[in-house]
C-alpha atoms as a PDB file:
ATOM      1  CA  MET A   1       6.952  -4.528  -6.550  1.00  0.00           C
ATOM      2  CA  ASP A   2      10.059  -2.823  -7.736  1.00  0.00           C
ATOM      3  CA  LEU A   3      10.060   0.134  -9.654  1.00  0.00           C
ATOM      4  CA  SER A   4      12.647   1.112 -12.253  1.00  0.00           C
ATOM      5  CA  LEU A   5      14.749   4.372 -11.799  1.00  0.00           C
ATOM      6  CA  PRO A   6      12.502   6.636 -14.123  1.00  0.00           C
ATOM      7  CA  GLN A   7       9.592   5.145 -12.699  1.00  0.00           C
ATOM      8  CA  ARG A   8      10.770   6.105  -9.192  1.00  0.00           C
ATOM      9  CA  LYS A   9      11.332   9.531 -10.237  1.00  0.00           C
ATOM     10  CA  ALA A  10       8.096   9.767 -12.074  1.00  0.00           C
ATOM     11  CA  TYR A  11       6.051   8.843  -8.892  1.00  0.00           C
ATOM     12  CA  SER A  12       8.475  11.138  -6.773  1.00  0.00           C
ATOM     13  CA  LEU A  13       7.101  13.890  -9.251  1.00  0.00           C
ATOM     14  CA  VAL A  14       3.242  13.330  -9.017  1.00  0.00           C
ATOM     15  CA  GLU A  15       3.480  13.042  -5.239  1.00  0.00           C
ATOM     16  CA  LYS A  16       5.180  16.656  -5.225  1.00  0.00           C
ATOM     17  CA  HIS A  17       3.070  18.110  -7.861  1.00  0.00           C
ATOM     18  CA  TYR A  18      -0.407  16.240  -7.455  1.00  0.00           C
ATOM     19  CA  THR A  19      -2.700  15.459  -4.242  1.00  0.00           C
ATOM     20  CA  VAL A  20      -3.415  11.899  -3.507  1.00  0.00           C
ATOM     21  CA  PRO A  21      -6.333  12.038  -2.089  1.00  0.00           C
ATOM     22  CA  SER A  22      -6.521  10.591   1.768  1.00  0.00           C
ATOM     23  CA  THR A  23      -9.433   7.868   0.549  1.00  0.00           C
ATOM     24  CA  PHE A  24      -6.843   6.719  -2.613  1.00  0.00           C
ATOM     25  CA  GLU A  25      -6.066   3.548  -1.121  1.00  0.00           C
ATOM     26  CA  ASN A  26      -9.641   2.368  -0.301  1.00  0.00           C
ATOM     27  CA  SER A  27     -11.537   3.664  -3.178  1.00  0.00           C
ATOM     28  CA  ARG A  28     -11.847   2.028  -6.667  1.00  0.00           C
ATOM     29  CA  ALA A  29     -12.511   5.307  -8.434  1.00  0.00           C
ATOM     30  CA  PHE A  30      -8.496   5.290  -8.917  1.00  0.00           C
ATOM     31  CA  GLY A  31      -8.453   1.943 -10.694  1.00  0.00           C
ATOM     32  CA  PRO A  32      -8.070  -1.545  -9.709  1.00  0.00           C
ATOM     33  CA  LYS A  33      -6.244  -2.385  -6.697  1.00  0.00           C
ATOM     34  CA  SER A  34      -5.033  -5.682  -7.232  1.00  0.00           C
ATOM     35  CA  GLY A  35      -2.007  -6.674  -9.605  1.00  0.00           C
ATOM     36  CA  VAL A  36      -0.415  -3.182  -9.097  1.00  0.00           C
ATOM     37  CA  CYS A  37       1.516  -1.548  -6.178  1.00  0.00           C
ATOM     38  CA  TYR A  38       0.672   1.634  -4.274  1.00  0.00           C
ATOM     39  CA  GLU A  39       2.965   3.816  -6.328  1.00  0.00           C
ATOM     40  CA  GLU A  40       2.198   1.994 -10.091  1.00  0.00           C
ATOM     41  CA  ARG A  41      -1.707   3.035  -9.025  1.00  0.00           C
ATOM     42  CA  VAL A  42      -0.850   6.779  -8.176  1.00  0.00           C
ATOM     43  CA  MET A  43       1.064   7.003 -11.468  1.00  0.00           C
ATOM     44  CA  SER A  44      -2.143   5.513 -13.453  1.00  0.00           C
ATOM     45  CA  ALA A  45      -4.241   8.040 -11.898  1.00  0.00           C
ATOM     46  CA  TYR A  46      -1.970  10.892 -12.710  1.00  0.00           C
ATOM     47  CA  CYS A  47      -2.170   9.891 -16.279  1.00  0.00           C
ATOM     48  CA  GLN A  48      -5.919   9.450 -16.310  1.00  0.00           C
ATOM     49  CA  GLY A  49      -6.208  12.981 -15.018  1.00  0.00           C
ATOM     50  CA  LEU A  50      -7.702  11.505 -11.636  1.00  0.00           C
ATOM     51  CA  LEU A  51      -5.420  13.582  -9.094  1.00  0.00           C
ATOM     52  CA  GLU A  52      -5.685  17.345  -8.430  1.00  0.00           C
ATOM     53  CA  ALA A  53      -2.889  19.638  -9.026  1.00  0.00           C
ATOM     54  CA  LYS A  54      -1.068  21.066  -5.950  1.00  0.00           C
ATOM     55  CA  GLY A  55      -0.750  24.269  -7.897  1.00  0.00           C
ATOM     56  CA  GLU A  56      -0.219  24.548 -11.682  1.00  0.00           C
ATOM     57  CA  ALA A  57      -0.510  21.143 -13.493  1.00  0.00           C
ATOM     58  CA  VAL A  58       2.764  19.899 -14.579  1.00  0.00           C
ATOM     59  CA  GLU A  59       3.520  17.243 -17.333  1.00  0.00           C
ATOM     60  CA  ILE A  60       5.149  14.321 -16.131  1.00  0.00           C
ATOM     61  CA  CYS A  61       6.823  11.843 -18.435  1.00  0.00           C
ATOM     62  CA  LEU A  62       6.067   8.216 -16.960  1.00  0.00           C
ATOM     63  CA  ARG A  63       8.624   6.210 -19.126  1.00  0.00           C
ATOM     64  CA  CYS A  64      11.930   8.609 -18.211  1.00  0.00           C
ATOM     65  CA  GLY A  65      10.645  10.150 -15.293  1.00  0.00           C
ATOM     66  CA  VAL A  66      11.001  14.097 -16.097  1.00  0.00           C
ATOM     67  CA  GLU A  67       8.837  17.116 -15.931  1.00  0.00           C
ATOM     68  CA  GLY A  68       7.967  18.658 -19.388  1.00  0.00           C
ATOM     69  CA  HIS A  69       6.545  16.081 -21.713  1.00  0.00           C
ATOM     70  CA  VAL A  70       4.180  12.968 -21.258  1.00  0.00           C
ATOM     71  CA  LYS A  71       5.082   9.557 -22.113  1.00  0.00           C
ATOM     72  CA  GLY A  72       3.527   9.683 -25.751  1.00  0.00           C
ATOM     73  CA  CYS A  73       6.101  12.702 -26.719  1.00  0.00           C
ATOM     74  CA  CYS A  74       8.710  10.957 -24.871  1.00  0.00           C
ATOM     75  CA  PRO A  75      12.037  11.609 -26.932  1.00  0.00           C
ATOM     76  CA  GLU A  76      13.697   8.451 -25.385  1.00  0.00           C
ATOM     77  CA  GLY A  77      10.402   6.791 -27.060  1.00  0.00           C
ATOM     78  CA  LEU A  78      11.314   7.880 -30.308  1.00  0.00           C
END
């Protein structure tokens, strides 16, 4: 599945700031495995608060792919 540019940016930020467990791909605890690509599943797990921050937690917008706010507060979506 192809990701949009903002989705690719958001995914990169999630991977940079959050730990994706080694059991992620085989665990249903992070959401359904069918119908979504790995990257979308990682972003969904981030959005649901299922990933542990590597340091200080960072807000990442899954709509525009930048740090500092979340999708619901995105200035691009207003």
